[in-house]
Amino acid sequence: MSNPLPIPDDLWAKVPPDAQAAIAAVFLAIEQRVIELEARVRDLEGRLKLNSTNSSKPPSSDPVGMKRKPPAPPSGKKRGGQPGHRKAHRALAPPEKVRETFQCKPTSCRRCGHGLSGEDPEPLIHQVAELPKVEPIVDEYRLHRLTCPGCGETTCGTLPPGLSGGCFGPYLQAVLAVFAGAYRLSKAQIQQLSADLFGLSISTEMISKLERRSAEALEAPYNELAVSVHGADAANIDETSWRQDRKKAWLWVTVTRITTVFTIAGSRAGDVAKALLGSEPDQVVTSDRFSAYDWIAAFWRQTCWAHLRRDFQAMIDRGGDGAWIGGRLLGLSNRLFRSWHRVRDGTQEWEAFPERMLRLRREVRRALEDGSRCPCVREDGGDLLRAPQGGRGAVDVCAGAWDRPDEQRGGAGAAIRGDLAPDQRWDGQPEREPVRGADVDRGGDVPPARP
């Protein structure tokens, strides 16, 4: 047999045929094993390079001394607003919200000192907002116990209808619930804040009791909001780990145009996502590439661009043959956002934006197809270009970043970090639907679509 090994031919010719076959089989097996181990080493080294800039890991998990992106060089411009920038000013309160108006008139000319009188038809308006001193309003109810002169039975008076037997009113209970739920303050912090701001003395046990009462009162409206997500035209969804009763759980969030709904579940499976999103057809869903969302058709699923950009950066950081495709894809995504920023700033006409996106979409698809066809790139391209058996490939997943218009406002990732209020809107932008595929998970601007 021919010599397949790095052995001199004259020495190989002296080996019996049966021994040649055995040696060749062992060599090929070892060679294949080396290839597998090298691929595994590359994969493990790539995982060691993962950080908050090229994966979904939080910044707190970054190793000490990790080099951050260098700051941008000085632009040479002066600090503050630049010539031609849009003026920003605080809106004046309407007249009905003004407590008192003071007329400030000059009594003499600032130049010659001559006396002045009269009225200015359009005076300059300067408003000063202030908070009144907040103190608890205590209402006392005296329940009289009276004895019947006929039978001797004692009867106690009752509280007025609608008044609970608690020591704290519904508005105060709602404020404390907001401190705990929306602003994530601990019981001790709420206790201290209540004393500092309101002069209110309350125990941590009572704070916990009021939280439970608030949860019971909010159960019905919460269920209504959760059901409203099922009928929304577009929804964002995300999940993160959570601790519930000292056990690991998952905090899910769904975000629509007007609602943000949080749900604590014991599982991270796709069944939870199905229950939260419902089964209504033609709903656009914005999500990351987690497998729990693979049941959503690619045509109706928007892939988060922030996650894709981190995947592209991870391909670059891995090095090897996959770095070039990662750099190519990251450059294309930079072009997308540069184009949108021009539309947002008014330096590019909207009519040209869809055509640019159409050309860019074709380039992204070609880049992904090139990477998917190259075995060496699949080894060094991370999870983006390696679809599991029966799973969705990169081209299928990334196709969902373009297909249909979306109505998302900031992304579920921002809401789950507490960075985004449910009713947040773009500053100065009209109510328009954003282009699907332009979601920025960290609360960035989202390109609006033409109404």
Protein backbone atom coordinates (compact mmCIF):
# COMPACT_ATOMS: atom_id res chain seq x y z
CA MET A 1 0.00 0.00 0.00
CA SER A 2 1.09 3.61 -0.54
CA ASN A 3 2.83 5.39 2.29
CA PRO A 4 0.30 7.72 4.08
CA LEU A 5 2.66 8.40 7.00
CA PRO A 6 5.62 10.75 7.48
CA ILE A 7 8.00 7.76 7.28
CA PRO A 8 10.80 7.40 4.70
CA ASP A 9 9.65 5.24 1.77
CA ASP A 10 12.61 2.85 2.03
CA LEU A 11 11.81 2.18 5.68
CA TRP A 12 8.09 1.89 4.95
CA ALA A 13 8.78 -0.72 2.23
CA LYS A 14 10.41 -3.01 4.82
CA VAL A 15 7.21 -3.16 6.91
CA PRO A 16 4.91 -6.13 6.15
CA PRO A 17 1.59 -5.21 4.50
CA ASP A 18 -0.48 -6.31 7.49
CA ALA A 19 1.63 -4.15 9.80
CA GLN A 20 1.37 -1.23 7.37
CA ALA A 21 -2.43 -1.41 7.49
CA ALA A 22 -2.42 -1.57 11.29
CA ILE A 23 0.04 1.32 11.65
CA ALA A 24 -1.89 3.45 9.15
CA ALA A 25 -5.18 2.80 10.98
CA VAL A 26 -3.65 3.79 14.32
CA PHE A 27 -2.05 6.90 12.82
CA LEU A 28 -5.28 8.05 11.20
CA ALA A 29 -7.19 7.50 14.45
CA ILE A 30 -4.63 9.52 16.39
CA GLU A 31 -4.66 12.24 13.74
CA GLN A 32 -8.45 12.48 13.93
CA ARG A 33 -8.28 12.62 17.71
CA VAL A 34 -5.74 15.44 17.55
CA ILE A 35 -8.03 17.40 15.25
CA GLU A 36 -10.93 16.95 17.69
CA LEU A 37 -8.80 17.99 20.67
CA GLU A 38 -7.47 21.05 18.85
CA ALA A 39 -11.02 22.11 18.05
CA ARG A 40 -11.96 21.63 21.68
CA VAL A 41 -8.97 23.69 22.83
CA ARG A 42 -9.97 26.48 20.44
CA ASP A 43 -13.50 26.37 21.80
CA LEU A 44 -12.32 26.48 25.43
CA GLU A 45 -9.90 29.30 24.68
CA GLY A 46 -12.74 31.17 23.00
CA ARG A 47 -14.89 30.77 26.11
CA LEU A 48 -12.10 32.18 28.26
CA LYS A 49 -12.12 35.28 26.06
CA LEU A 50 -15.84 35.91 26.59
CA ASN A 51 -16.70 39.08 28.51
CA SER A 52 -19.40 41.73 28.63
CA THR A 53 -18.31 43.21 25.27
CA ASN A 54 -18.67 40.01 23.21
CA SER A 55 -21.32 37.98 25.07
CA SER A 56 -24.35 38.34 27.31
CA LYS A 57 -22.21 38.21 30.45
CA PRO A 58 -22.70 41.19 32.78
CA PRO A 59 -19.85 43.70 33.27
CA SER A 60 -19.56 42.58 36.91
CA SER A 61 -18.24 39.20 35.70
CA ASP A 62 -15.35 40.74 33.75
CA PRO A 63 -11.90 39.80 35.08
CA VAL A 64 -9.85 42.37 36.95
CA GLY A 65 -7.60 44.35 34.64
CA MET A 66 -9.59 43.68 31.47
CA LYS A 67 -8.75 46.32 28.88
CA ARG A 68 -11.72 48.46 28.04
CA LYS A 69 -12.38 50.20 24.77
CA PRO A 70 -10.08 53.23 24.68
CA PRO A 71 -11.85 56.59 24.96
CA ALA A 72 -12.52 58.50 21.78
CA PRO A 73 -9.81 61.04 20.94
CA PRO A 74 -10.62 64.70 21.58
CA SER A 75 -12.71 66.21 18.82
CA GLY A 76 -11.24 69.69 19.22
CA LYS A 77 -14.69 71.18 19.88
CA LYS A 78 -15.55 73.26 22.90
CA ARG A 79 -17.58 71.75 25.70
CA GLY A 80 -21.33 72.17 25.77
CA GLY A 81 -23.84 72.66 23.00
CA GLN A 82 -22.47 73.15 19.51
CA PRO A 83 -23.62 75.86 17.08
CA GLY A 84 -26.84 74.85 15.38
CA HIS A 85 -27.85 72.24 17.95
CA ARG A 86 -31.50 71.88 18.91
CA LYS A 87 -32.37 74.06 21.89
CA ALA A 88 -33.35 72.18 25.04
CA HIS A 89 -35.41 73.91 27.73
CA ARG A 90 -37.70 72.95 30.55
CA ALA A 91 -41.37 73.19 29.68
CA LEU A 92 -43.35 75.71 31.72
CA ALA A 93 -46.10 74.51 34.03
CA PRO A 94 -49.64 75.45 32.87
CA PRO A 95 -51.35 78.35 34.69
CA GLU A 96 -53.68 76.06 36.62
CA LYS A 97 -50.62 74.35 38.15
CA VAL A 98 -49.08 77.61 39.35
CA ARG A 99 -49.66 78.27 43.08
CA GLU A 100 -48.98 82.00 43.04
CA THR A 101 -47.76 84.61 40.54
CA PHE A 102 -45.46 87.47 41.50
CA GLN A 103 -45.08 90.60 39.34
CA CYS A 104 -41.45 91.77 39.32
CA LYS A 105 -41.27 95.27 37.84
CA PRO A 106 -38.25 97.56 37.73
CA THR A 107 -38.71 100.87 39.56
CA SER A 108 -36.01 102.85 37.76
CA CYS A 109 -34.01 102.81 34.54
CA ARG A 110 -30.82 100.79 34.86
CA ARG A 111 -28.96 103.40 32.75
CA CYS A 112 -30.09 106.85 33.89
CA GLY A 113 -32.15 106.09 36.99
CA HIS A 114 -35.40 107.63 35.68
CA GLY A 115 -38.56 106.23 37.31
CA LEU A 116 -40.43 103.49 35.41
CA SER A 117 -44.07 102.43 35.38
CA GLY A 118 -46.47 100.48 33.18
CA GLU A 119 -46.96 96.88 32.05
CA ASP A 120 -44.94 94.55 29.85
CA PRO A 121 -47.40 92.68 27.54
CA GLU A 122 -44.96 89.78 27.16
CA PRO A 123 -42.88 89.55 30.37
CA LEU A 124 -40.15 86.98 30.81
CA ILE A 125 -41.41 84.03 32.83
CA HIS A 126 -39.31 82.35 35.47
CA GLN A 127 -40.89 79.44 37.35
CA VAL A 128 -39.55 77.83 40.52
CA ALA A 129 -40.76 74.33 41.45
CA GLU A 130 -40.72 73.27 45.08
CA LEU A 131 -41.98 70.38 47.15
CA PRO A 132 -44.15 71.07 50.19
CA LYS A 133 -43.07 69.63 53.49
CA VAL A 134 -44.50 66.12 53.55
CA GLU A 135 -45.98 64.94 56.83
CA PRO A 136 -48.34 62.04 57.48
CA ILE A 137 -52.03 62.96 57.73
CA VAL A 138 -53.48 60.99 60.61
CA ASP A 139 -57.22 60.42 60.86
CA GLU A 140 -58.54 59.08 64.13
CA TYR A 141 -61.63 56.90 64.36
CA ARG A 142 -63.09 56.35 67.81
CA LEU A 143 -65.12 53.16 68.00
CA HIS A 144 -67.61 53.59 70.83
CA ARG A 145 -68.83 50.55 72.72
CA LEU A 146 -72.34 51.12 74.03
CA THR A 147 -74.40 48.91 76.33
CA CYS A 148 -78.04 48.17 75.53
CA PRO A 149 -80.30 49.27 78.42
CA GLY A 150 -82.77 46.53 77.55
CA CYS A 151 -80.65 43.35 77.34
CA GLY A 152 -77.29 44.56 78.56
CA GLU A 153 -75.45 43.54 75.37
CA THR A 154 -72.44 45.70 74.43
CA THR A 155 -72.19 46.82 70.78
CA CYS A 156 -69.07 48.39 69.25
CA GLY A 157 -69.14 50.95 66.44
CA THR A 158 -67.76 49.99 63.03
CA LEU A 159 -65.41 51.75 60.66
CA PRO A 160 -66.92 53.61 57.69
CA PRO A 161 -67.48 51.54 54.51
CA GLY A 162 -64.37 51.13 52.35
CA LEU A 163 -61.97 51.68 55.22
CA SER A 164 -59.78 48.70 56.09
CA GLY A 165 -58.71 47.80 59.56
CA GLY A 166 -55.07 48.61 58.83
CA CYS A 167 -53.11 51.49 60.31
CA PHE A 168 -51.96 52.86 56.94
CA GLY A 169 -54.04 54.26 54.09
CA PRO A 170 -54.11 53.00 50.49
CA TYR A 171 -52.04 55.89 49.04
CA LEU A 172 -49.25 55.41 51.58
CA GLN A 173 -49.38 51.67 50.97
CA ALA A 174 -49.02 52.26 47.20
CA VAL A 175 -46.02 54.58 47.72
CA LEU A 176 -44.23 51.99 49.84
CA ALA A 177 -45.03 49.30 47.25
CA VAL A 178 -43.44 51.47 44.54
CA PHE A 179 -40.32 51.84 46.67
CA ALA A 180 -40.04 48.06 46.96
CA GLY A 181 -41.13 47.00 43.47
CA ALA A 182 -40.14 49.74 41.04
CA TYR A 183 -37.09 51.10 42.86
CA ARG A 184 -35.96 47.80 44.46
CA LEU A 185 -35.31 49.20 47.91
CA SER A 186 -34.83 46.84 50.83
CA LYS A 187 -37.13 46.82 53.87
CA ALA A 188 -34.54 48.70 55.92
CA GLN A 189 -34.08 51.33 53.18
CA ILE A 190 -37.84 51.85 52.91
CA GLN A 191 -38.05 52.22 56.68
CA GLN A 192 -35.28 54.82 56.70
CA LEU A 193 -36.64 56.69 53.67
CA SER A 194 -40.11 56.86 55.23
CA ALA A 195 -38.62 58.42 58.36
CA ASP A 196 -36.39 60.88 56.47
CA LEU A 197 -38.93 62.09 53.89
CA PHE A 198 -42.29 61.65 55.61
CA GLY A 199 -41.46 61.59 59.32
CA LEU A 200 -43.22 58.22 59.40
CA SER A 201 -42.41 55.50 61.92
CA ILE A 202 -42.99 52.02 60.48
CA SER A 203 -41.50 48.60 61.18
CA THR A 204 -39.98 46.33 58.56
CA GLU A 205 -42.60 43.68 59.46
CA MET A 206 -45.39 46.12 58.60
CA ILE A 207 -43.64 46.98 55.32
CA SER A 208 -43.68 43.28 54.39
CA LYS A 209 -47.36 43.05 55.34
CA LEU A 210 -48.22 46.06 53.19
CA GLU A 211 -46.31 44.54 50.27
CA ARG A 212 -48.43 41.39 50.50
CA ARG A 213 -51.61 43.46 50.58
CA SER A 214 -50.46 45.40 47.53
CA ALA A 215 -49.73 42.16 45.68
CA GLU A 216 -53.24 40.91 46.41
CA ALA A 217 -54.77 44.20 45.23
CA LEU A 218 -52.73 44.16 42.01
CA GLU A 219 -53.44 40.54 41.06
CA ALA A 220 -56.52 41.33 38.94
CA PRO A 221 -55.02 44.25 36.95
CA TYR A 222 -51.79 42.26 36.54
CA ASN A 223 -53.73 39.39 34.95
CA GLU A 224 -55.42 41.85 32.59
CA LEU A 225 -52.05 43.25 31.49
CA ALA A 226 -50.62 39.75 31.02
CA VAL A 227 -53.54 38.78 28.79
CA SER A 228 -53.20 42.02 26.80
CA VAL A 229 -49.72 40.90 25.69
CA HIS A 230 -51.32 38.01 23.78
CA GLY A 231 -53.16 40.40 21.49
CA ALA A 232 -50.33 42.88 20.93
CA ASP A 233 -49.09 43.36 17.37
CA ALA A 234 -45.47 43.30 18.59
CA ALA A 235 -43.82 42.21 21.82
CA ASN A 236 -40.31 41.99 23.28
CA ILE A 237 -39.34 39.13 25.57
CA ASP A 238 -36.32 38.33 27.70
CA GLU A 239 -35.42 36.37 30.83
CA THR A 240 -32.78 36.31 33.53
CA SER A 241 -31.97 34.25 36.60
CA TRP A 242 -33.80 35.06 39.82
CA ARG A 243 -33.95 33.96 43.46
CA GLN A 244 -37.37 33.05 44.84
CA ASP A 245 -37.77 31.51 48.30
CA ARG A 246 -34.03 30.82 48.32
CA LYS A 247 -34.36 28.72 45.17
CA LYS A 248 -33.28 29.45 41.63
CA ALA A 249 -36.03 30.76 39.41
CA TRP A 250 -36.33 32.88 36.26
CA LEU A 251 -37.58 36.42 35.85
CA TRP A 252 -39.33 36.86 32.49
CA VAL A 253 -40.39 40.19 31.01
CA THR A 254 -42.65 40.98 28.06
CA VAL A 255 -42.73 44.53 26.69
CA THR A 256 -45.32 45.95 24.30
CA ARG A 257 -46.07 49.49 23.16
CA ILE A 258 -47.89 50.40 26.39
CA THR A 259 -47.19 47.62 28.92
CA THR A 260 -44.27 45.94 30.67
CA VAL A 261 -45.15 42.67 32.42
CA PHE A 262 -42.80 40.76 34.71
CA THR A 263 -43.35 37.10 35.55
CA ILE A 264 -41.40 34.81 37.91
CA ALA A 265 -41.32 31.21 36.71
CA GLY A 266 -39.49 28.10 37.83
CA SER A 267 -38.40 27.23 34.30
CA ARG A 268 -36.58 28.79 31.36
CA ALA A 269 -38.23 26.53 28.81
CA GLY A 270 -40.09 27.51 25.68
CA ASP A 271 -43.43 26.55 27.27
CA VAL A 272 -43.14 29.59 29.55
CA ALA A 273 -42.50 31.86 26.56
CA LYS A 274 -45.53 30.40 24.78
CA ALA A 275 -47.72 31.03 27.82
CA LEU A 276 -46.52 34.63 28.12
CA LEU A 277 -46.84 35.50 24.41
CA GLY A 278 -50.01 33.56 23.71
CA SER A 279 -51.00 31.91 20.46
CA GLU A 280 -52.35 34.86 18.47
CA PRO A 281 -51.11 34.80 14.84
CA ASP A 282 -49.12 37.57 13.15
CA GLN A 283 -47.34 38.81 16.28
CA VAL A 284 -43.82 40.18 15.81
CA VAL A 285 -41.56 39.04 18.67
CA THR A 286 -38.20 40.62 19.49
CA SER A 287 -35.84 38.30 21.37
CA ASP A 288 -32.29 37.08 21.61
CA ARG A 289 -31.18 33.79 20.02
CA PHE A 290 -31.99 31.61 23.04
CA SER A 291 -33.42 28.24 21.99
CA ALA A 292 -36.60 28.77 24.05
CA TYR A 293 -37.80 31.08 21.25
CA ASP A 294 -37.04 28.75 18.33
CA TRP A 295 -40.73 27.82 18.09
CA ILE A 296 -41.38 31.32 16.71
CA ALA A 297 -41.30 31.42 12.92
CA ALA A 298 -38.32 33.37 11.55
CA PHE A 299 -40.68 35.59 9.55
CA TRP A 300 -42.26 36.87 12.80
CA ARG A 301 -39.17 36.92 14.99
CA GLN A 302 -36.85 39.91 15.25
CA THR A 303 -33.37 39.01 16.40
CA CYS A 304 -31.83 41.53 18.77
CA TRP A 305 -29.03 43.42 17.01
CA ALA A 306 -27.18 44.08 20.27
CA HIS A 307 -26.80 40.32 20.79
CA LEU A 308 -25.74 39.82 17.18
CA ARG A 309 -23.10 42.54 17.46
CA ARG A 310 -21.66 40.88 20.57
CA ASP A 311 -21.61 37.57 18.66
CA PHE A 312 -19.71 39.25 15.83
CA GLN A 313 -17.22 40.70 18.30
CA ALA A 314 -16.78 37.26 19.91
CA MET A 315 -15.87 35.81 16.50
CA ILE A 316 -13.20 38.49 16.14
CA ASP A 317 -11.83 37.89 19.64
CA ARG A 318 -11.62 34.14 19.03
CA GLY A 319 -9.16 34.75 16.24
CA GLY A 320 -8.49 32.12 13.60
CA ASP A 321 -10.30 31.89 10.29
CA GLY A 322 -13.58 33.04 11.84
CA ALA A 323 -12.25 36.50 12.69
CA TRP A 324 -12.57 37.85 9.15
CA ILE A 325 -16.27 36.95 8.87
CA GLY A 326 -16.91 38.47 12.31
CA GLY A 327 -15.20 41.71 11.27
CA ARG A 328 -17.16 41.76 8.03
CA LEU A 329 -20.50 41.35 9.84
CA LEU A 330 -19.63 43.90 12.52
CA GLY A 331 -18.72 46.42 9.84
CA LEU A 332 -22.06 45.86 8.11
CA SER A 333 -23.94 46.39 11.36
CA ASN A 334 -22.00 49.63 11.90
CA ARG A 335 -23.18 50.78 8.48
CA LEU A 336 -26.78 50.04 9.48
CA PHE A 337 -26.66 52.23 12.58
CA ARG A 338 -24.70 55.00 10.91
CA SER A 339 -27.39 55.19 8.27
CA TRP A 340 -30.14 55.25 10.88
CA HIS A 341 -28.38 57.95 12.90
CA ARG A 342 -28.31 60.13 9.80
CA VAL A 343 -32.05 59.62 9.36
CA ARG A 344 -32.64 60.38 13.03
CA ASP A 345 -30.52 63.55 12.89
CA GLY A 346 -32.16 64.73 9.67
CA THR A 347 -28.98 64.56 7.56
CA GLN A 348 -30.38 61.77 5.38
CA GLU A 349 -33.80 61.60 3.75
CA TRP A 350 -36.12 58.86 4.95
CA GLU A 351 -36.97 57.84 1.39
CA ALA A 352 -33.40 56.62 0.84
CA PHE A 353 -33.27 54.59 4.06
CA PRO A 354 -35.37 51.53 2.99
CA GLU A 355 -33.32 51.12 -0.20
CA ARG A 356 -30.07 51.25 1.79
CA MET A 357 -31.41 48.63 4.18
CA LEU A 358 -32.40 46.37 1.31
CA ARG A 359 -28.87 46.42 -0.10
CA LEU A 360 -27.37 45.98 3.36
CA ARG A 361 -29.63 43.03 4.08
CA ARG A 362 -28.36 41.25 0.98
CA GLU A 363 -24.75 41.84 2.01
CA VAL A 364 -25.36 40.50 5.53
CA ARG A 365 -27.05 37.42 4.16
CA ARG A 366 -24.17 36.77 1.76
CA ALA A 367 -21.67 37.11 4.60
CA LEU A 368 -23.59 34.66 6.77
CA GLU A 369 -23.94 32.18 3.91
CA ASP A 370 -20.20 32.40 3.21
CA GLY A 371 -19.47 31.69 6.85
CA SER A 372 -21.98 28.84 7.07
CA ARG A 373 -20.45 27.08 4.04
CA CYS A 374 -16.88 27.26 5.31
CA PRO A 375 -16.01 24.41 7.76
CA CYS A 376 -12.97 26.27 9.14
CA VAL A 377 -15.13 29.33 9.87
CA ARG A 378 -17.76 27.21 11.59
CA GLU A 379 -15.07 25.97 13.94
CA ASP A 380 -13.85 29.47 14.78
CA GLY A 381 -17.13 31.32 14.34
CA GLY A 382 -18.68 30.54 17.71
CA ASP A 383 -22.29 29.53 18.23
CA LEU A 384 -23.62 31.95 15.63
CA LEU A 385 -22.51 29.86 12.64
CA ARG A 386 -22.95 26.45 14.29
CA ALA A 387 -26.58 25.41 14.29
CA PRO A 388 -27.42 22.33 16.41
CA GLN A 389 -28.98 19.32 14.75
CA GLY A 390 -32.57 20.19 13.95
CA GLY A 391 -31.94 23.80 15.02
CA ARG A 392 -31.90 27.05 13.09
CA GLY A 393 -28.81 28.22 11.26
CA ALA A 394 -27.35 31.69 11.30
CA VAL A 395 -29.01 32.72 8.04
CA ASP A 396 -32.45 31.65 9.30
CA VAL A 397 -32.03 33.39 12.65
CA CYS A 398 -30.58 36.59 11.26
CA ALA A 399 -33.25 36.75 8.58
CA GLY A 400 -35.58 37.57 11.45
CA ALA A 401 -33.73 40.82 12.00
CA TRP A 402 -35.22 42.37 8.87
CA ASP A 403 -38.47 40.80 7.74
CA ARG A 404 -41.29 42.88 9.23
CA PRO A 405 -41.92 46.18 11.03
CA ASP A 406 -41.89 46.09 14.83
CA GLU A 407 -43.45 48.36 17.42
CA GLN A 408 -41.00 47.81 20.25
CA ARG A 409 -39.89 50.86 22.14
CA GLY A 410 -36.65 49.96 23.88
CA GLY A 411 -36.30 46.24 24.31
CA ALA A 412 -36.99 43.71 27.03
CA GLY A 413 -33.34 43.65 28.00
CA ALA A 414 -33.51 47.30 29.04
CA ALA A 415 -36.73 46.73 30.97
CA ILE A 416 -35.36 43.72 32.82
CA ARG A 417 -32.39 45.79 33.98
CA GLY A 418 -34.70 48.56 35.16
CA ASP A 419 -33.26 51.00 32.63
CA LEU A 420 -36.48 51.77 30.75
CA ALA A 421 -39.86 53.03 31.86
CA PRO A 422 -42.86 51.37 30.13
CA ASP A 423 -43.97 54.66 28.56
CA GLN A 424 -40.53 55.86 27.43
CA ARG A 425 -40.48 57.43 23.95
CA TRP A 426 -37.80 58.79 21.65
CA ASP A 427 -36.97 62.38 22.51
CA GLY A 428 -38.48 64.62 19.88
CA GLN A 429 -39.47 61.77 17.59
CA PRO A 430 -43.01 61.30 16.25
CA GLU A 431 -45.01 58.15 16.93
CA ARG A 432 -43.71 55.84 14.21
CA GLU A 433 -43.03 52.13 14.06
CA PRO A 434 -39.36 51.12 14.17
CA VAL A 435 -37.76 49.06 11.45
CA ARG A 436 -37.49 45.47 12.46
CA GLY A 437 -33.98 44.36 13.22
CA ALA A 438 -32.71 47.66 14.57
CA ASP A 439 -33.32 46.94 18.24
CA VAL A 440 -30.52 48.03 20.57
CA ASP A 441 -30.74 45.97 23.72
CA ARG A 442 -29.01 48.54 25.91
CA GLY A 443 -31.78 51.08 25.44
CA GLY A 444 -30.38 52.75 22.32
CA ASP A 445 -32.37 54.46 19.61
CA VAL A 446 -34.51 52.39 17.30
CA PRO A 447 -35.01 53.35 13.65
CA PRO A 448 -38.66 54.26 13.01
CA ALA A 449 -40.47 52.90 9.99
CA ARG A 450 -42.47 55.02 7.60
CA PRO A 451 -46.13 55.19 8.70
